[in-house]
Amino acid sequence: MPDPFDVAGEVDAACRDRARAWRFLRGFAAAWSTPITDDDGWSQDDLAAAEQRLGVRLPEALKEALALLGRRADLTSNQDCLLRPDQLHYDDTGRALVWRQENQGVADWGIPVEDLRLPDPPVIFRLDGTYSAPEPWRPFLGRLSVACVEMVLYEALFGSDGDDHDNREAEDADLGVLERRYSRLALPDYPMWATPDGPPVRWFYGRDALICDHARAWLWVRTRTPEALRAVRETLPGDWLMQP
């Protein structure tokens, strides 16, 4: 069955326009999971309560994302976690408003406090410094709407059964195959949180298949069909961990 949703084209548009980012999320959910409904987001009352508690107007992009799919854990929180409105908080330095957290609490994604006035502010991240000197906040992606696209793509790698996803350690030969055989998605290069000074994360797309090059260290694959997964394994042979 051909992919009914133009992932590559819609990601390209989403990276240039906030409204198209939300259109991408709706289309991707419908094609790769289940459609987003009116009950999948937080209410305006929930968002207003968060603003009152935090003493700030939340950026429009954050409110729009939470109102659209904030309750859809299958799209936002399979591995890491999109915070609920009542969980949004300032970090211990007061520099950032935290809106997403790594599943074991070792990384946070936030919005710089000085940028909360912007409709679609940049996103920063930092590693947990509990057992060492505090880690600095670092740039992640230039707009929160693009970070939401990245979030949904990333969470899609973890939210399905074993016949449509897989992963393995990356090998040097994989990089050339990816670039020759698959289309690069328009998401900008961005850092892998666990190795922020290493190679960037890159996304590729083939028929019914998403492939994430995780900083040249690991490959993650999500497909729409078992047949597409088999095709990826044949194109990129190796020790796939979910291989029967």
Foldseek 3Di string as FASTA:
>chain_A
DFQPDDLQVLLQVVVVDLVSLLVNVQRCCVRQNNGFDQPQADDPVLLVVLCVVAVHRAAQSVRVVRSGHVNPCLQFPLFWHFDGSVPFDADPVNQWTWGIAGPVRQKTKTFGPVCRVHNWAFIWMFGDQPPHPGTDIGGFGGTVSSVSSVRRVVSLLRRDDLLFKWKDFADPVVVVLQVVPWAWHPRDFGADRVCRVAGTWTWTDDTQKIWICHRRTMIIMGGRGSVVVVVVCVSVPDPIPSDD
